[in-house]
Amino acid sequence: MSIQRFETGPRMSQAVVHGNTVYLAGVVANKAAGESVTKQTQDILATIDSHLAKAGTDKSKLLSATIYITDMKTFGEMNAVWDAWVSPGNTPARATVEAKLAAAQYTVEIMVTAAK
């Protein structure tokens, strides 16, 4: 079975397709870095939509999501954006974890897996 990689760099690929499964790397808010959790989550989800489209799928086919936030007090703020974005009736298995991220300007990181 072949493996297809998208936006491949020396350290990682932004998306990898193996069979009918699409794996995305963790996505941070490059355009909204340093802004509110709401804006960062919106930016991240737009990027996820784009990566999924390049891989031939969309958010209605999400299988799982792992969300990292730097402060669990912002869980509700992040969830408000997530709930407005996620495909009704097609919600993935999901975990949310409080963690330090790679740089201080990032407060949210989301990694998803989807079917094609």
C-alpha atoms as a PDB file:
ATOM      1  CA  MET A   1       0.000   0.000   0.000  1.00  0.00           C
ATOM      2  CA  SER A   2       1.420   3.365  -0.973  1.00  0.00           C
ATOM      3  CA  ILE A   3       2.077   6.331   1.295  1.00  0.00           C
ATOM      4  CA  GLN A   4       1.437   9.870   0.083  1.00  0.00           C
ATOM      5  CA  ARG A   5       2.912  12.856   1.929  1.00  0.00           C
ATOM      6  CA  PHE A   6       1.919  16.539   1.722  1.00  0.00           C
ATOM      7  CA  GLU A   7       3.991  19.594   2.644  1.00  0.00           C
ATOM      8  CA  THR A   8       6.956  17.446   3.564  1.00  0.00           C
ATOM      9  CA  GLY A   9       9.902  19.035   5.322  1.00  0.00           C
ATOM     10  CA  PRO A  10      13.112  17.722   6.885  1.00  0.00           C
ATOM     11  CA  ARG A  11      11.382  17.021  10.220  1.00  0.00           C
ATOM     12  CA  MET A  12       7.788  16.145   9.353  1.00  0.00           C
ATOM     13  CA  SER A  13       4.952  16.183   6.838  1.00  0.00           C
ATOM     14  CA  GLN A  14       1.790  18.206   7.413  1.00  0.00           C
ATOM     15  CA  ALA A  15      -0.360  15.338   6.133  1.00  0.00           C
ATOM     16  CA  VAL A  16       0.244  11.671   5.391  1.00  0.00           C
ATOM     17  CA  VAL A  17      -2.174   9.372   3.561  1.00  0.00           C
ATOM     18  CA  HIS A  18      -1.871   5.609   3.974  1.00  0.00           C
ATOM     19  CA  GLY A  19      -4.612   3.574   2.377  1.00  0.00           C
ATOM     20  CA  ASN A  20      -7.877   5.314   3.185  1.00  0.00           C
ATOM     21  CA  THR A  21      -6.594   7.036   6.320  1.00  0.00           C
ATOM     22  CA  VAL A  22      -5.333  10.634   6.520  1.00  0.00           C
ATOM     23  CA  TYR A  23      -3.067  11.654   9.393  1.00  0.00           C
ATOM     24  CA  LEU A  24      -2.400  15.343  10.058  1.00  0.00           C
ATOM     25  CA  ALA A  25       0.499  16.720  12.058  1.00  0.00           C
ATOM     26  CA  GLY A  26      -0.346  18.940  14.990  1.00  0.00           C
ATOM     27  CA  VAL A  27      -1.586  22.298  13.681  1.00  0.00           C
ATOM     28  CA  VAL A  28      -0.944  25.618  15.433  1.00  0.00           C
ATOM     29  CA  ALA A  29      -2.265  29.068  14.573  1.00  0.00           C
ATOM     30  CA  ASN A  30       0.414  30.515  12.328  1.00  0.00           C
ATOM     31  CA  LYS A  31      -1.741  33.473  11.220  1.00  0.00           C
ATOM     32  CA  ALA A  32      -3.293  34.104  14.658  1.00  0.00           C
ATOM     33  CA  ALA A  33      -0.268  33.329  16.850  1.00  0.00           C
ATOM     34  CA  GLY A  34      -0.402  35.362  20.047  1.00  0.00           C
ATOM     35  CA  GLU A  35      -4.102  36.151  19.646  1.00  0.00           C
ATOM     36  CA  SER A  36      -7.082  34.821  21.634  1.00  0.00           C
ATOM     37  CA  VAL A  37      -7.904  31.138  21.981  1.00  0.00           C
ATOM     38  CA  THR A  38     -10.973  31.789  19.811  1.00  0.00           C
ATOM     39  CA  LYS A  39      -8.931  33.284  16.962  1.00  0.00           C
ATOM     40  CA  GLN A  40      -6.215  30.642  17.245  1.00  0.00           C
ATOM     41  CA  THR A  41      -8.775  27.824  17.158  1.00  0.00           C
ATOM     42  CA  GLN A  42     -10.514  29.368  14.120  1.00  0.00           C
ATOM     43  CA  ASP A  43      -7.155  29.675  12.330  1.00  0.00           C
ATOM     44  CA  ILE A  44      -6.214  26.091  13.175  1.00  0.00           C
ATOM     45  CA  LEU A  45      -9.533  24.664  11.999  1.00  0.00           C
ATOM     46  CA  ALA A  46      -9.284  26.563   8.699  1.00  0.00           C
ATOM     47  CA  THR A  47      -5.816  25.057   8.203  1.00  0.00           C
ATOM     48  CA  ILE A  48      -7.158  21.594   9.036  1.00  0.00           C
ATOM     49  CA  ASP A  49      -9.933  22.058   6.452  1.00  0.00           C
ATOM     50  CA  SER A  50      -7.284  22.958   3.867  1.00  0.00           C
ATOM     51  CA  HIS A  51      -5.008  20.002   4.689  1.00  0.00           C
ATOM     52  CA  LEU A  52      -7.934  17.572   4.632  1.00  0.00           C
ATOM     53  CA  ALA A  53      -9.052  18.898   1.233  1.00  0.00           C
ATOM     54  CA  LYS A  54      -5.543  18.449  -0.205  1.00  0.00           C
ATOM     55  CA  ALA A  55      -5.629  14.844   1.021  1.00  0.00           C
ATOM     56  CA  GLY A  56      -9.030  14.211  -0.557  1.00  0.00           C
ATOM     57  CA  THR A  57     -11.288  14.275   2.494  1.00  0.00           C
ATOM     58  CA  ASP A  58     -13.103  16.646   4.835  1.00  0.00           C
ATOM     59  CA  LYS A  59     -14.143  17.175   8.458  1.00  0.00           C
ATOM     60  CA  SER A  60     -17.227  14.953   8.074  1.00  0.00           C
ATOM     61  CA  LYS A  61     -14.842  11.997   7.951  1.00  0.00           C
ATOM     62  CA  LEU A  62     -12.825  12.766  11.100  1.00  0.00           C
ATOM     63  CA  LEU A  63     -11.972   9.665  13.109  1.00  0.00           C
ATOM     64  CA  SER A  64     -10.089  11.205  16.027  1.00  0.00           C
ATOM     65  CA  ALA A  65      -8.817  14.509  17.347  1.00  0.00           C
ATOM     66  CA  THR A  66      -6.279  15.382  20.010  1.00  0.00           C
ATOM     67  CA  ILE A  67      -6.405  18.953  21.256  1.00  0.00           C
ATOM     68  CA  TYR A  68      -3.658  20.538  23.325  1.00  0.00           C
ATOM     69  CA  ILE A  69      -4.398  23.762  25.204  1.00  0.00           C
ATOM     70  CA  THR A  70      -2.021  25.634  27.470  1.00  0.00           C
ATOM     71  CA  ASP A  71      -4.664  26.490  30.071  1.00  0.00           C
ATOM     72  CA  MET A  72      -7.690  24.318  30.832  1.00  0.00           C
ATOM     73  CA  LYS A  73      -9.532  27.500  31.864  1.00  0.00           C
ATOM     74  CA  THR A  74      -9.859  28.220  28.107  1.00  0.00           C
ATOM     75  CA  PHE A  75     -11.527  24.842  27.424  1.00  0.00           C
ATOM     76  CA  GLY A  76     -14.980  26.415  26.999  1.00  0.00           C
ATOM     77  CA  GLU A  77     -13.664  29.116  24.652  1.00  0.00           C
ATOM     78  CA  MET A  78     -11.951  26.532  22.452  1.00  0.00           C
ATOM     79  CA  ASN A  79     -15.012  24.250  22.559  1.00  0.00           C
ATOM     80  CA  ALA A  80     -17.320  27.044  21.371  1.00  0.00           C
ATOM     81  CA  VAL A  81     -15.276  27.341  18.161  1.00  0.00           C
ATOM     82  CA  TRP A  82     -14.892  23.570  17.796  1.00  0.00           C
ATOM     83  CA  ASP A  83     -18.632  22.961  18.266  1.00  0.00           C
ATOM     84  CA  ALA A  84     -19.513  25.532  15.584  1.00  0.00           C
ATOM     85  CA  TRP A  85     -17.024  23.912  13.161  1.00  0.00           C
ATOM     86  CA  VAL A  86     -17.358  20.150  13.643  1.00  0.00           C
ATOM     87  CA  SER A  87     -19.714  18.256  11.319  1.00  0.00           C
ATOM     88  CA  PRO A  88     -22.969  17.494  13.208  1.00  0.00           C
ATOM     89  CA  GLY A  89     -23.493  13.763  13.602  1.00  0.00           C
ATOM     90  CA  ASN A  90     -19.898  13.080  12.544  1.00  0.00           C
ATOM     91  CA  THR A  91     -17.997  14.034  15.683  1.00  0.00           C
ATOM     92  CA  PRO A  92     -14.693  12.182  16.141  1.00  0.00           C
ATOM     93  CA  ALA A  93     -13.292  10.418  19.151  1.00  0.00           C
ATOM     94  CA  ARG A  94     -11.505  13.246  20.969  1.00  0.00           C
ATOM     95  CA  ALA A  95      -9.186  14.060  23.844  1.00  0.00           C
ATOM     96  CA  THR A  96      -8.177  17.466  25.179  1.00  0.00           C
ATOM     97  CA  VAL A  97      -4.976  17.828  27.174  1.00  0.00           C
ATOM     98  CA  GLU A  98      -3.420  20.775  28.996  1.00  0.00           C
ATOM     99  CA  ALA A  99       0.201  21.087  27.894  1.00  0.00           C
ATOM    100  CA  LYS A 100       3.012  23.519  27.211  1.00  0.00           C
ATOM    101  CA  LEU A 101       3.382  24.046  23.470  1.00  0.00           C
ATOM    102  CA  ALA A 102       6.464  24.671  21.316  1.00  0.00           C
ATOM    103  CA  ALA A 103       6.335  28.473  21.619  1.00  0.00           C
ATOM    104  CA  ALA A 104       4.669  30.862  24.067  1.00  0.00           C
ATOM    105  CA  GLN A 105       2.510  32.541  21.384  1.00  0.00           C
ATOM    106  CA  TYR A 106       0.638  29.282  20.764  1.00  0.00           C
ATOM    107  CA  THR A 107      -2.211  28.409  23.147  1.00  0.00           C
ATOM    108  CA  VAL A 108      -3.914  25.685  21.074  1.00  0.00           C
ATOM    109  CA  GLU A 109      -2.670  22.813  18.905  1.00  0.00           C
ATOM    110  CA  ILE A 110      -4.929  20.282  17.204  1.00  0.00           C
ATOM    111  CA  MET A 111      -4.047  16.979  15.540  1.00  0.00           C
ATOM    112  CA  VAL A 112      -6.640  14.918  13.639  1.00  0.00           C
ATOM    113  CA  THR A 113      -6.977  11.639  11.781  1.00  0.00           C
ATOM    114  CA  ALA A 114      -9.627  11.171   9.095  1.00  0.00           C
ATOM    115  CA  ALA A 115     -10.918   8.581   6.670  1.00  0.00           C
ATOM    116  CA  LYS A 116     -10.907   9.299   2.918  1.00  0.00           C
END
